[in-house]
Amino acid sequence: MLKIRSEQMKALRSVPDREFLLRLRAHVAQRWPELPEGAAGEAWLVALVERAREYRLSKELDIARFVDLTCEFGRDFELDPRHADAAAILTSRQAASIRMRQLDTWVESARAARDPSPREQR
C-alpha cells in the first residue's frame, strides 16, 4: 500500500495554494491598493488565508470574501465587539455556504450602521 507522508501532502498542496495566493494577491491589489505589497503583503495574505481556514472556509471564493471583509472592516474585525454577529456566524457549526450567505446579510447591516444614508444624517 502506498503511503503519503504529511510533508509530501504539504508539498502537493503548496502548488495550488501558491497559485491561489497569486490570484488573491492580484485581487487585493486591484480592490485594496492601499494595502501592503511585497513580502509583507504576502505574509499578511498567508496569515489571512490560514485564519479563514480556521473558520472552516475552504473554497477560494469564500476565503477571498473573508479577506475582503478583513480589508473593509479591519484586522481581526470578527473579534471586535461591534462585530459580534460576524464572529457568531464565522464560528457557527453550519456549512460554509450557509455562513457566507449569512455574512452577506451581516455586511449589508454593518455597512448601513457605519455609513448612514444622507436622509438619516439630516
PDB file of N, CA and C in Angstrom:
ATOM      1  N   MET A   1       0.839  -1.177   0.000  1.00  0.00           N
ATOM      2  CA  MET A   1       0.000   0.000   0.000  1.00  0.00           C
ATOM      3  C   MET A   1       0.889   1.247   0.000  1.00  0.00           C
ATOM      4  N   LEU A   2       0.517   2.210  -0.817  1.00  0.00           N
ATOM      5  CA  LEU A   2       1.246   3.464  -0.921  1.00  0.00           C
ATOM      6  C   LEU A   2       0.879   4.372   0.243  1.00  0.00           C
ATOM      7  N   LYS A   3       1.888   4.932   0.892  1.00  0.00           N
ATOM      8  CA  LYS A   3       1.648   5.872   1.990  1.00  0.00           C
ATOM      9  C   LYS A   3       2.255   7.220   1.618  1.00  0.00           C
ATOM     10  N   ILE A   4       1.490   8.249   1.860  1.00  0.00           N
ATOM     11  CA  ILE A   4       1.971   9.603   1.598  1.00  0.00           C
ATOM     12  C   ILE A   4       2.168  10.286   2.941  1.00  0.00           C
ATOM     13  N   ARG A   5       3.395  10.700   3.175  1.00  0.00           N
ATOM     14  CA  ARG A   5       3.708  11.374   4.432  1.00  0.00           C
ATOM     15  C   ARG A   5       3.126  12.780   4.442  1.00  0.00           C
ATOM     16  N   SER A   6       2.991  13.333   5.650  1.00  0.00           N
ATOM     17  CA  SER A   6       2.388  14.663   5.773  1.00  0.00           C
ATOM     18  C   SER A   6       3.205  15.721   5.036  1.00  0.00           C
ATOM     19  N   GLU A   7       4.547  15.588   5.029  1.00  0.00           N
ATOM     20  CA  GLU A   7       5.380  16.556   4.303  1.00  0.00           C
ATOM     21  C   GLU A   7       5.094  16.493   2.809  1.00  0.00           C
ATOM     22  N   GLN A   8       4.860  15.270   2.314  1.00  0.00           N
ATOM     23  CA  GLN A   8       4.566  15.115   0.898  1.00  0.00           C
ATOM     24  C   GLN A   8       3.207  15.730   0.559  1.00  0.00           C
ATOM     25  N   MET A   9       2.236  15.551   1.458  1.00  0.00           N
ATOM     26  CA  MET A   9       0.920  16.139   1.224  1.00  0.00           C
ATOM     27  C   MET A   9       1.013  17.663   1.217  1.00  0.00           C
ATOM     28  N   LYS A  10       1.815  18.210   2.127  1.00  0.00           N
ATOM     29  CA  LYS A  10       2.006  19.657   2.159  1.00  0.00           C
ATOM     30  C   LYS A  10       2.592  20.145   0.841  1.00  0.00           C
ATOM     31  N   ALA A  11       3.597  19.423   0.340  1.00  0.00           N
ATOM     32  CA  ALA A  11       4.237  19.805  -0.922  1.00  0.00           C
ATOM     33  C   ALA A  11       3.241  19.729  -2.072  1.00  0.00           C
ATOM     34  N   LEU A  12       2.387  18.701  -2.072  1.00  0.00           N
ATOM     35  CA  LEU A  12       1.387  18.564  -3.134  1.00  0.00           C
ATOM     36  C   LEU A  12       0.369  19.707  -3.081  1.00  0.00           C
ATOM     37  N   ARG A  13      -0.003  20.121  -1.879  1.00  0.00           N
ATOM     38  CA  ARG A  13      -0.962  21.207  -1.724  1.00  0.00           C
ATOM     39  C   ARG A  13      -0.347  22.567  -2.011  1.00  0.00           C
ATOM     40  N   SER A  14       0.953  22.696  -1.878  1.00  0.00           N
ATOM     41  CA  SER A  14       1.582  24.014  -1.969  1.00  0.00           C
ATOM     42  C   SER A  14       1.478  24.647  -3.352  1.00  0.00           C
ATOM     43  N   VAL A  15       1.485  23.837  -4.421  1.00  0.00           N
ATOM     44  CA  VAL A  15       1.396  24.410  -5.768  1.00  0.00           C
ATOM     45  C   VAL A  15       0.036  25.072  -5.987  1.00  0.00           C
ATOM     46  N   PRO A  16      -1.087  24.379  -5.723  1.00  0.00           N
ATOM     47  CA  PRO A  16      -2.369  25.072  -5.877  1.00  0.00           C
ATOM     48  C   PRO A  16      -2.504  26.248  -4.908  1.00  0.00           C
ATOM     49  N   ASP A  17      -1.997  26.090  -3.686  1.00  0.00           N
ATOM     50  CA  ASP A  17      -2.042  27.193  -2.720  1.00  0.00           C
ATOM     51  C   ASP A  17      -1.269  28.389  -3.250  1.00  0.00           C
ATOM     52  N   ARG A  18      -0.127  28.147  -3.831  1.00  0.00           N
ATOM     53  CA  ARG A  18       0.706  29.223  -4.368  1.00  0.00           C
ATOM     54  C   ARG A  18      -0.028  29.939  -5.499  1.00  0.00           C
ATOM     55  N   GLU A  19      -0.662  29.156  -6.374  1.00  0.00           N
ATOM     56  CA  GLU A  19      -1.410  29.748  -7.478  1.00  0.00           C
ATOM     57  C   GLU A  19      -2.592  30.563  -6.953  1.00  0.00           C
ATOM     58  N   PHE A  20      -3.265  30.036  -5.944  1.00  0.00           N
ATOM     59  CA  PHE A  20      -4.379  30.769  -5.341  1.00  0.00           C
ATOM     60  C   PHE A  20      -3.875  32.065  -4.707  1.00  0.00           C
ATOM     61  N   LEU A  21      -2.762  32.016  -4.002  1.00  0.00           N
ATOM     62  CA  LEU A  21      -2.210  33.219  -3.383  1.00  0.00           C
ATOM     63  C   LEU A  21      -1.877  34.290  -4.427  1.00  0.00           C
ATOM     64  N   LEU A  22      -1.371  33.856  -5.570  1.00  0.00           N
ATOM     65  CA  LEU A  22      -1.074  34.820  -6.638  1.00  0.00           C
ATOM     66  C   LEU A  22      -2.352  35.483  -7.147  1.00  0.00           C
ATOM     67  N   ARG A  23      -3.410  34.692  -7.334  1.00  0.00           N
ATOM     68  CA  ARG A  23      -4.691  35.257  -7.776  1.00  0.00           C
ATOM     69  C   ARG A  23      -5.276  36.169  -6.701  1.00  0.00           C
ATOM     70  N   LEU A  24      -5.174  35.733  -5.452  1.00  0.00           N
ATOM     71  CA  LEU A  24      -5.699  36.526  -4.347  1.00  0.00           C
ATOM     72  C   LEU A  24      -4.932  37.837  -4.212  1.00  0.00           C
ATOM     73  N   ARG A  25      -3.636  37.764  -4.383  1.00  0.00           N
ATOM     74  CA  ARG A  25      -2.803  38.971  -4.299  1.00  0.00           C
ATOM     75  C   ARG A  25      -3.193  39.969  -5.391  1.00  0.00           C
ATOM     76  N   ALA A  26      -3.442  39.481  -6.603  1.00  0.00           N
ATOM     77  CA  ALA A  26      -3.863  40.358  -7.700  1.00  0.00           C
ATOM     78  C   ALA A  26      -5.222  40.984  -7.386  1.00  0.00           C
ATOM     79  N   HIS A  27      -6.126  40.198  -6.840  1.00  0.00           N
ATOM     80  CA  HIS A  27      -7.450  40.706  -6.456  1.00  0.00           C
ATOM     81  C   HIS A  27      -7.318  41.805  -5.412  1.00  0.00           C
ATOM     82  N   VAL A  28      -6.536  41.552  -4.380  1.00  0.00           N
ATOM     83  CA  VAL A  28      -6.357  42.522  -3.295  1.00  0.00           C
ATOM     84  C   VAL A  28      -5.695  43.796  -3.830  1.00  0.00           C
ATOM     85  N   ALA A  29      -4.693  43.644  -4.679  1.00  0.00           N
ATOM     86  CA  ALA A  29      -4.002  44.815  -5.231  1.00  0.00           C
ATOM     87  C   ALA A  29      -4.956  45.691  -6.039  1.00  0.00           C
ATOM     88  N   GLN A  30      -5.880  45.051  -6.745  1.00  0.00           N
ATOM     89  CA  GLN A  30      -6.828  45.814  -7.554  1.00  0.00           C
ATOM     90  C   GLN A  30      -7.903  46.463  -6.686  1.00  0.00           C
ATOM     91  N   ARG A  31      -8.438  45.723  -5.745  1.00  0.00           N
ATOM     92  CA  ARG A  31      -9.559  46.225  -4.948  1.00  0.00           C
ATOM     93  C   ARG A  31      -9.131  47.076  -3.765  1.00  0.00           C
ATOM     94  N   TRP A  32      -7.967  46.765  -3.201  1.00  0.00           N
ATOM     95  CA  TRP A  32      -7.484  47.446  -1.997  1.00  0.00           C
ATOM     96  C   TRP A  32      -6.038  47.909  -2.223  1.00  0.00           C
ATOM     97  N   PRO A  33      -5.801  48.862  -3.114  1.00  0.00           N
ATOM     98  CA  PRO A  33      -4.431  49.247  -3.476  1.00  0.00           C
ATOM     99  C   PRO A  33      -3.616  49.839  -2.327  1.00  0.00           C
ATOM    100  N   GLU A  34      -4.274  50.283  -1.266  1.00  0.00           N
ATOM    101  CA  GLU A  34      -3.548  50.878  -0.147  1.00  0.00           C
ATOM    102  C   GLU A  34      -2.895  49.844   0.771  1.00  0.00           C
ATOM    103  N   LEU A  35      -3.172  48.574   0.548  1.00  0.00           N
ATOM    104  CA  LEU A  35      -2.625  47.531   1.424  1.00  0.00           C
ATOM    105  C   LEU A  35      -1.189  47.200   1.067  1.00  0.00           C
ATOM    106  N   PRO A  36      -0.455  46.593   2.006  1.00  0.00           N
ATOM    107  CA  PRO A  36       0.977  46.335   1.788  1.00  0.00           C
ATOM    108  C   PRO A  36       1.241  45.420   0.598  1.00  0.00           C
ATOM    109  N   GLU A  37       2.370  45.668  -0.036  1.00  0.00           N
ATOM    110  CA  GLU A  37       2.813  44.838  -1.163  1.00  0.00           C
ATOM    111  C   GLU A  37       4.064  44.093  -0.748  1.00  0.00           C
ATOM    112  N   GLY A  38       4.623  43.342  -1.659  1.00  0.00           N
ATOM    113  CA  GLY A  38       5.877  42.644  -1.410  1.00  0.00           C
ATOM    114  C   GLY A  38       5.743  41.544  -0.377  1.00  0.00           C
ATOM    115  N   ALA A  39       6.855  41.243   0.274  1.00  0.00           N
ATOM    116  CA  ALA A  39       6.900  40.145   1.249  1.00  0.00           C
ATOM    117  C   ALA A  39       5.940  40.390   2.407  1.00  0.00           C
ATOM    118  N   ALA A  40       5.841  41.628   2.860  1.00  0.00           N
ATOM    119  CA  ALA A  40       4.935  41.936   3.972  1.00  0.00           C
ATOM    120  C   ALA A  40       3.483  41.673   3.578  1.00  0.00           C
ATOM    121  N   GLY A  41       3.124  42.079   2.372  1.00  0.00           N
ATOM    122  CA  GLY A  41       1.771  41.834   1.884  1.00  0.00           C
ATOM    123  C   GLY A  41       1.478  40.357   1.714  1.00  0.00           C
ATOM    124  N   GLU A  42       2.456  39.621   1.217  1.00  0.00           N
ATOM    125  CA  GLU A  42       2.253  38.188   1.036  1.00  0.00           C
ATOM    126  C   GLU A  42       2.114  37.479   2.380  1.00  0.00           C
ATOM    127  N   ALA A  43       2.941  37.847   3.345  1.00  0.00           N
ATOM    128  CA  ALA A  43       2.854  37.240   4.683  1.00  0.00           C
ATOM    129  C   ALA A  43       1.494  37.541   5.306  1.00  0.00           C
ATOM    130  N   TRP A  44       1.017  38.756   5.096  1.00  0.00           N
ATOM    131  CA  TRP A  44      -0.291  39.140   5.613  1.00  0.00           C
ATOM    132  C   TRP A  44      -1.396  38.301   4.975  1.00  0.00           C
ATOM    133  N   LEU A  45      -1.318  38.113   3.652  1.00  0.00           N
ATOM    134  CA  LEU A  45      -2.320  37.297   2.960  1.00  0.00           C
ATOM    135  C   LEU A  45      -2.278  35.852   3.416  1.00  0.00           C
ATOM    136  N   VAL A  46      -1.087  35.297   3.574  1.00  0.00           N
ATOM    137  CA  VAL A  46      -0.959  33.912   4.040  1.00  0.00           C
ATOM    138  C   VAL A  46      -1.614  33.773   5.410  1.00  0.00           C
ATOM    139  N   ALA A  47      -1.374  34.736   6.293  1.00  0.00           N
ATOM    140  CA  ALA A  47      -1.975  34.701   7.632  1.00  0.00           C
ATOM    141  C   ALA A  47      -3.500  34.770   7.544  1.00  0.00           C
ATOM    142  N   LEU A  48      -4.019  35.601   6.635  1.00  0.00           N
ATOM    143  CA  LEU A  48      -5.473  35.697   6.476  1.00  0.00           C
ATOM    144  C   LEU A  48      -6.070  34.415   5.921  1.00  0.00           C
ATOM    145  N   VAL A  49      -5.383  33.794   4.975  1.00  0.00           N
ATOM    146  CA  VAL A  49      -5.863  32.520   4.425  1.00  0.00           C
ATOM    147  C   VAL A  49      -5.904  31.473   5.535  1.00  0.00           C
ATOM    148  N   GLU A  50      -4.880  31.434   6.363  1.00  0.00           N
ATOM    149  CA  GLU A  50      -4.861  30.481   7.477  1.00  0.00           C
ATOM    150  C   GLU A  50      -6.001  30.758   8.449  1.00  0.00           C
ATOM    151  N   ARG A  51      -6.254  32.049   8.748  1.00  0.00           N
ATOM    152  CA  ARG A  51      -7.374  32.394   9.637  1.00  0.00           C
ATOM    153  C   ARG A  51      -8.699  31.976   9.030  1.00  0.00           C
ATOM    154  N   ALA A  52      -8.868  32.209   7.746  1.00  0.00           N
ATOM    155  CA  ALA A  52     -10.107  31.803   7.075  1.00  0.00           C
ATOM    156  C   ALA A  52     -10.293  30.292   7.195  1.00  0.00           C
ATOM    157  N   ARG A  53      -9.228  29.558   7.028  1.00  0.00           N
ATOM    158  CA  ARG A  53      -9.317  28.095   7.139  1.00  0.00           C
ATOM    159  C   ARG A  53      -9.619  27.652   8.568  1.00  0.00           C
ATOM    160  N   GLU A  54      -9.172  28.439   9.550  1.00  0.00           N
ATOM    161  CA  GLU A  54      -9.523  28.134  10.939  1.00  0.00           C
ATOM    162  C   GLU A  54     -11.027  28.248  11.152  1.00  0.00           C
ATOM    163  N   TYR A  55     -11.676  29.078  10.365  1.00  0.00           N
ATOM    164  CA  TYR A  55     -13.138  29.204  10.404  1.00  0.00           C
ATOM    165  C   TYR A  55     -13.814  28.200   9.467  1.00  0.00           C
ATOM    166  N   ARG A  56     -13.054  27.223   9.015  1.00  0.00           N
ATOM    167  CA  ARG A  56     -13.547  26.143   8.152  1.00  0.00           C
ATOM    168  C   ARG A  56     -14.027  26.660   6.794  1.00  0.00           C
ATOM    169  N   LEU A  57     -13.370  27.700   6.301  1.00  0.00           N
ATOM    170  CA  LEU A  57     -13.623  28.187   4.943  1.00  0.00           C
ATOM    171  C   LEU A  57     -12.563  27.553   4.060  1.00  0.00           C
ATOM    172  N   SER A  58     -12.974  26.832   3.049  1.00  0.00           N
ATOM    173  CA  SER A  58     -12.001  26.130   2.221  1.00  0.00           C
ATOM    174  C   SER A  58     -12.083  26.507   0.740  1.00  0.00           C
ATOM    175  N   LYS A  59     -13.234  26.977   0.296  1.00  0.00           N
ATOM    176  CA  LYS A  59     -13.359  27.381  -1.108  1.00  0.00           C
ATOM    177  C   LYS A  59     -12.627  28.695  -1.314  1.00  0.00           C
ATOM    178  N   GLU A  60     -11.974  28.806  -2.448  1.00  0.00           N
ATOM    179  CA  GLU A  60     -11.207  30.022  -2.751  1.00  0.00           C
ATOM    180  C   GLU A  60     -12.076  31.271  -2.680  1.00  0.00           C
ATOM    181  N   LEU A  61     -13.280  31.193  -3.206  1.00  0.00           N
ATOM    182  CA  LEU A  61     -14.165  32.354  -3.200  1.00  0.00           C
ATOM    183  C   LEU A  61     -14.495  32.775  -1.766  1.00  0.00           C
ATOM    184  N   ASP A  62     -14.769  31.798  -0.904  1.00  0.00           N
ATOM    185  CA  ASP A  62     -15.089  32.113   0.492  1.00  0.00           C
ATOM    186  C   ASP A  62     -13.892  32.735   1.202  1.00  0.00           C
ATOM    187  N   ILE A  63     -12.716  32.219   0.934  1.00  0.00           N
ATOM    188  CA  ILE A  63     -11.500  32.772   1.541  1.00  0.00           C
ATOM    189  C   ILE A  63     -11.273  34.194   1.044  1.00  0.00           C
ATOM    190  N   ALA A  64     -11.466  34.413  -0.255  1.00  0.00           N
ATOM    191  CA  ALA A  64     -11.301  35.761  -0.819  1.00  0.00           C
ATOM    192  C   ALA A  64     -12.310  36.721  -0.198  1.00  0.00           C
ATOM    193  N   ARG A  65     -13.523  36.261   0.035  1.00  0.00           N
ATOM    194  CA  ARG A  65     -14.530  37.107   0.665  1.00  0.00           C
ATOM    195  C   ARG A  65     -14.135  37.444   2.098  1.00  0.00           C
ATOM    196  N   PHE A  66     -13.562  36.484   2.812  1.00  0.00           N
ATOM    197  CA  PHE A  66     -13.082  36.744   4.169  1.00  0.00           C
ATOM    198  C   PHE A  66     -11.973  37.798   4.143  1.00  0.00           C
ATOM    199  N   VAL A  67     -11.080  37.688   3.171  1.00  0.00           N
ATOM    200  CA  VAL A  67     -10.004  38.675   3.023  1.00  0.00           C
ATOM    201  C   VAL A  67     -10.608  40.058   2.743  1.00  0.00           C
ATOM    202  N   ASP A  68     -11.595  40.113   1.863  1.00  0.00           N
ATOM    203  CA  ASP A  68     -12.249  41.390   1.564  1.00  0.00           C
ATOM    204  C   ASP A  68     -12.897  41.986   2.815  1.00  0.00           C
ATOM    205  N   LEU A  69     -13.543  41.147   3.614  1.00  0.00           N
ATOM    206  CA  LEU A  69     -14.168  41.637   4.846  1.00  0.00           C
ATOM    207  C   LEU A  69     -13.117  42.198   5.795  1.00  0.00           C
ATOM    208  N   THR A  70     -11.984  41.528   5.872  1.00  0.00           N
ATOM    209  CA  THR A  70     -10.903  42.000   6.729  1.00  0.00           C
ATOM    210  C   THR A  70     -10.381  43.341   6.225  1.00  0.00           C
ATOM    211  N   CYS A  71     -10.248  43.483   4.921  1.00  0.00           N
ATOM    212  CA  CYS A  71      -9.788  44.753   4.353  1.00  0.00           C
ATOM    213  C   CYS A  71     -10.793  45.867   4.619  1.00  0.00           C
ATOM    214  N   GLU A  72     -12.069  45.546   4.519  1.00  0.00           N
ATOM    215  CA  GLU A  72     -13.107  46.565   4.686  1.00  0.00           C
ATOM    216  C   GLU A  72     -13.351  46.929   6.149  1.00  0.00           C
ATOM    217  N   PHE A  73     -13.407  45.925   7.025  1.00  0.00           N
ATOM    218  CA  PHE A  73     -13.799  46.171   8.414  1.00  0.00           C
ATOM    219  C   PHE A  73     -12.630  46.167   9.396  1.00  0.00           C
ATOM    220  N   GLY A  74     -11.438  45.844   8.906  1.00  0.00           N
ATOM    221  CA  GLY A  74     -10.256  45.929   9.754  1.00  0.00           C
ATOM    222  C   GLY A  74      -9.740  44.579  10.227  1.00  0.00           C
ATOM    223  N   ARG A  75      -8.467  44.593  10.539  1.00  0.00           N
ATOM    224  CA  ARG A  75      -7.802  43.388  11.026  1.00  0.00           C
ATOM    225  C   ARG A  75      -8.537  42.862  12.259  1.00  0.00           C
ATOM    226  N   ASP A  76      -8.731  41.556  12.277  1.00  0.00           N
ATOM    227  CA  ASP A  76      -9.440  40.891  13.379  1.00  0.00           C
ATOM    228  C   ASP A  76     -10.837  41.468  13.588  1.00  0.00           C
ATOM    229  N   PHE A  77     -11.484  41.885  12.502  1.00  0.00           N
ATOM    230  CA  PHE A  77     -12.810  42.504  12.600  1.00  0.00           C
ATOM    231  C   PHE A  77     -13.777  41.641  13.394  1.00  0.00           C
ATOM    232  N   GLU A  78     -13.655  40.330  13.234  1.00  0.00           N
ATOM    233  CA  GLU A  78     -14.597  39.429  13.879  1.00  0.00           C
ATOM    234  C   GLU A  78     -14.401  39.365  15.401  1.00  0.00           C
ATOM    235  N   LEU A  79     -13.279  39.879  15.893  1.00  0.00           N
ATOM    236  CA  LEU A  79     -13.021  39.893  17.330  1.00  0.00           C
ATOM    237  C   LEU A  79     -13.474  41.205  17.974  1.00  0.00           C
ATOM    238  N   ASP A  80     -13.819  42.176  17.155  1.00  0.00           N
ATOM    239  CA  ASP A  80     -14.292  43.474  17.633  1.00  0.00           C
ATOM    240  C   ASP A  80     -15.717  43.299  18.168  1.00  0.00           C
ATOM    241  N   PRO A  81     -15.983  43.735  19.396  1.00  0.00           N
ATOM    242  CA  PRO A  81     -17.337  43.580  19.956  1.00  0.00           C
ATOM    243  C   PRO A  81     -18.431  44.197  19.087  1.00  0.00           C
ATOM    244  N   ARG A  82     -18.089  45.216  18.302  1.00  0.00           N
ATOM    245  CA  ARG A  82     -19.087  45.816  17.404  1.00  0.00           C
ATOM    246  C   ARG A  82     -19.515  44.844  16.310  1.00  0.00           C
ATOM    247  N   HIS A  83     -18.692  43.835  16.067  1.00  0.00           N
ATOM    248  CA  HIS A  83     -18.979  42.869  15.003  1.00  0.00           C
ATOM    249  C   HIS A  83     -19.186  41.466  15.569  1.00  0.00           C
ATOM    250  N   ALA A  84     -19.785  41.399  16.746  1.00  0.00           N
ATOM    251  CA  ALA A  84     -20.017  40.112  17.403  1.00  0.00           C
ATOM    252  C   ALA A  84     -20.866  39.178  16.534  1.00  0.00           C
ATOM    253  N   ASP A  85     -21.784  39.753  15.766  1.00  0.00           N
ATOM    254  CA  ASP A  85     -22.614  38.913  14.894  1.00  0.00           C
ATOM    255  C   ASP A  85     -21.778  38.211  13.834  1.00  0.00           C
ATOM    256  N   ALA A  86     -20.773  38.892  13.328  1.00  0.00           N
ATOM    257  CA  ALA A  86     -19.892  38.272  12.331  1.00  0.00           C
ATOM    258  C   ALA A  86     -19.131  37.111  12.964  1.00  0.00           C
ATOM    259  N   ALA A  87     -18.663  37.297  14.189  1.00  0.00           N
ATOM    260  CA  ALA A  87     -17.945  36.226  14.885  1.00  0.00           C
ATOM    261  C   ALA A  87     -18.856  35.032  15.101  1.00  0.00           C
ATOM    262  N   ALA A  88     -20.090  35.292  15.487  1.00  0.00           N
ATOM    263  CA  ALA A  88     -21.044  34.198  15.708  1.00  0.00           C
ATOM    264  C   ALA A  88     -21.293  33.423  14.415  1.00  0.00           C
ATOM    265  N   ILE A  89     -21.382  34.136  13.326  1.00  0.00           N
ATOM    266  CA  ILE A  89     -21.598  33.476  12.032  1.00  0.00           C
ATOM    267  C   ILE A  89     -20.385  32.636  11.659  1.00  0.00           C
ATOM    268  N   LEU A  90     -19.199  33.221  11.776  1.00  0.00           N
ATOM    269  CA  LEU A  90     -17.982  32.502  11.383  1.00  0.00           C
ATOM    270  C   LEU A  90     -17.735  31.260  12.230  1.00  0.00           C
ATOM    271  N   THR A  91     -18.108  31.299  13.490  1.00  0.00           N
ATOM    272  CA  THR A  91     -17.846  30.157  14.376  1.00  0.00           C
ATOM    273  C   THR A  91     -19.012  29.181  14.458  1.00  0.00           C
ATOM    274  N   SER A  92     -20.081  29.487  13.759  1.00  0.00           N
ATOM    275  CA  SER A  92     -21.248  28.610  13.736  1.00  0.00           C
ATOM    276  C   SER A  92     -20.878  27.245  13.161  1.00  0.00           C
ATOM    277  N   ARG A  93     -21.624  26.238  13.529  1.00  0.00           N
ATOM    278  CA  ARG A  93     -21.390  24.876  13.038  1.00  0.00           C
ATOM    279  C   ARG A  93     -22.012  24.634  11.659  1.00  0.00           C
ATOM    280  N   GLN A  94     -22.695  25.622  11.135  1.00  0.00           N
ATOM    281  CA  GLN A  94     -23.355  25.451   9.842  1.00  0.00           C
ATOM    282  C   GLN A  94     -22.338  25.322   8.713  1.00  0.00           C
ATOM    283  N   ALA A  95     -22.817  24.847   7.592  1.00  0.00           N
ATOM    284  CA  ALA A  95     -21.965  24.701   6.406  1.00  0.00           C
ATOM    285  C   ALA A  95     -21.448  26.075   5.975  1.00  0.00           C
ATOM    286  N   ALA A  96     -20.273  26.068   5.380  1.00  0.00           N
ATOM    287  CA  ALA A  96     -19.643  27.325   4.953  1.00  0.00           C
ATOM    288  C   ALA A  96     -20.546  28.108   4.014  1.00  0.00           C
ATOM    289  N   SER A  97     -21.236  27.435   3.108  1.00  0.00           N
ATOM    290  CA  SER A  97     -22.091  28.151   2.149  1.00  0.00           C
ATOM    291  C   SER A  97     -23.210  28.906   2.864  1.00  0.00           C
ATOM    292  N   ILE A  98     -23.766  28.329   3.896  1.00  0.00           N
ATOM    293  CA  ILE A  98     -24.819  28.992   4.668  1.00  0.00           C
ATOM    294  C   ILE A  98     -24.229  30.169   5.432  1.00  0.00           C
ATOM    295  N   ARG A  99     -23.067  29.950   6.050  1.00  0.00           N
ATOM    296  CA  ARG A  99     -22.430  31.026   6.809  1.00  0.00           C
ATOM    297  C   ARG A  99     -22.057  32.198   5.910  1.00  0.00           C
ATOM    298  N   MET A 100     -21.615  31.925   4.704  1.00  0.00           N
ATOM    299  CA  MET A 100     -21.241  33.010   3.799  1.00  0.00           C
ATOM    300  C   MET A 100     -22.481  33.820   3.388  1.00  0.00           C
ATOM    301  N   ARG A 101     -23.608  33.150   3.190  1.00  0.00           N
ATOM    302  CA  ARG A 101     -24.850  33.890   2.884  1.00  0.00           C
ATOM    303  C   ARG A 101     -25.251  34.759   4.074  1.00  0.00           C
ATOM    304  N   GLN A 102     -25.080  34.212   5.282  1.00  0.00           N
ATOM    305  CA  GLN A 102     -25.392  34.990   6.480  1.00  0.00           C
ATOM    306  C   GLN A 102     -24.443  36.186   6.613  1.00  0.00           C
ATOM    307  N   LEU A 103     -23.170  35.976   6.267  1.00  0.00           N
ATOM    308  CA  LEU A 103     -22.215  37.088   6.309  1.00  0.00           C
ATOM    309  C   LEU A 103     -22.593  38.172   5.312  1.00  0.00           C
ATOM    310  N   ASP A 104     -23.116  37.778   4.153  1.00  0.00           N
ATOM    311  CA  ASP A 104     -23.559  38.774   3.168  1.00  0.00           C
ATOM    312  C   ASP A 104     -24.635  39.681   3.781  1.00  0.00           C
ATOM    313  N   THR A 105     -25.564  39.085   4.498  1.00  0.00           N
ATOM    314  CA  THR A 105     -26.613  39.863   5.163  1.00  0.00           C
ATOM    315  C   THR A 105     -26.004  40.744   6.250  1.00  0.00           C
ATOM    316  N   TRP A 106     -25.079  40.181   7.021  1.00  0.00           N
ATOM    317  CA  TRP A 106     -24.413  40.953   8.072  1.00  0.00           C
ATOM    318  C   TRP A 106     -23.671  42.152   7.479  1.00  0.00           C
ATOM    319  N   VAL A 107     -22.977  41.947   6.365  1.00  0.00           N
ATOM    320  CA  VAL A 107     -22.209  43.026   5.733  1.00  0.00           C
ATOM    321  C   VAL A 107     -23.120  44.197   5.399  1.00  0.00           C
ATOM    322  N   GLU A 108     -24.278  43.914   4.836  1.00  0.00           N
ATOM    323  CA  GLU A 108     -25.195  44.989   4.475  1.00  0.00           C
ATOM    324  C   GLU A 108     -25.609  45.792   5.700  1.00  0.00           C
ATOM    325  N   SER A 109     -25.924  45.115   6.801  1.00  0.00           N
ATOM    326  CA  SER A 109     -26.333  45.846   8.004  1.00  0.00           C
ATOM    327  C   SER A 109     -25.146  46.581   8.626  1.00  0.00           C
ATOM    328  N   ALA A 110     -23.953  45.991   8.590  1.00  0.00           N
ATOM    329  CA  ALA A 110     -22.760  46.653   9.147  1.00  0.00           C
ATOM    330  C   ALA A 110     -22.409  47.894   8.337  1.00  0.00           C
ATOM    331  N   ARG A 111     -22.544  47.808   7.026  1.00  0.00           N
ATOM    332  CA  ARG A 111     -22.286  48.990   6.186  1.00  0.00           C
ATOM    333  C   ARG A 111     -23.306  50.078   6.465  1.00  0.00           C
ATOM    334  N   ALA A 112     -24.564  49.685   6.607  1.00  0.00           N
ATOM    335  CA  ALA A 112     -25.619  50.668   6.869  1.00  0.00           C
ATOM    336  C   ALA A 112     -25.387  51.358   8.214  1.00  0.00           C
ATOM    337  N   ALA A 113     -24.935  50.602   9.202  1.00  0.00           N
ATOM    338  CA  ALA A 113     -24.672  51.182  10.526  1.00  0.00           C
ATOM    339  C   ALA A 113     -23.461  52.112  10.481  1.00  0.00           C
ATOM    340  N   ARG A 114     -22.501  51.771   9.672  1.00  0.00           N
ATOM    341  CA  ARG A 114     -21.271  52.557   9.561  1.00  0.00           C
ATOM    342  C   ARG A 114     -21.469  53.804   8.707  1.00  0.00           C
ATOM    343  N   ASP A 115     -22.216  53.659   7.625  1.00  0.00           N
ATOM    344  CA  ASP A 115     -22.409  54.739   6.657  1.00  0.00           C
ATOM    345  C   ASP A 115     -23.901  55.059   6.527  1.00  0.00           C
ATOM    346  N   PRO A 116     -24.448  55.836   7.447  1.00  0.00           N
ATOM    347  CA  PRO A 116     -25.891  56.138   7.338  1.00  0.00           C
ATOM    348  C   PRO A 116     -26.199  56.870   6.042  1.00  0.00           C
ATOM    349  N   SER A 117     -27.394  56.644   5.559  1.00  0.00           N
ATOM    350  CA  SER A 117     -27.797  57.292   4.312  1.00  0.00           C
ATOM    351  C   SER A 117     -27.894  58.807   4.527  1.00  0.00           C
ATOM    352  N   PRO A 118     -27.805  59.588   3.445  1.00  0.00           N
ATOM    353  CA  PRO A 118     -27.890  61.059   3.584  1.00  0.00           C
ATOM    354  C   PRO A 118     -29.169  61.495   4.278  1.00  0.00           C
ATOM    355  N   ARG A 119     -30.258  60.773   4.065  1.00  0.00           N
ATOM    356  CA  ARG A 119     -31.540  61.109   4.676  1.00  0.00           C
ATOM    357  C   ARG A 119     -31.444  60.996   6.208  1.00  0.00           C
ATOM    358  N   GLU A 120     -30.704  59.978   6.698  1.00  0.00           N
ATOM    359  CA  GLU A 120     -30.559  59.760   8.141  1.00  0.00           C
ATOM    360  C   GLU A 120     -29.636  60.790   8.779  1.00  0.00           C
ATOM    361  N   GLN A 121     -28.783  61.417   7.993  1.00  0.00           N
ATOM    362  CA  GLN A 121     -27.819  62.358   8.541  1.00  0.00           C
ATOM    363  C   GLN A 121     -28.420  63.736   8.795  1.00  0.00           C
ATOM    364  N   ARG A 122     -29.598  64.005   8.290  1.00  0.00           N
ATOM    365  CA  ARG A 122     -30.225  65.325   8.449  1.00  0.00           C
ATOM    366  C   ARG A 122     -30.625  65.589   9.860  1.00  0.00           C
TER     367      ARG A 122
END
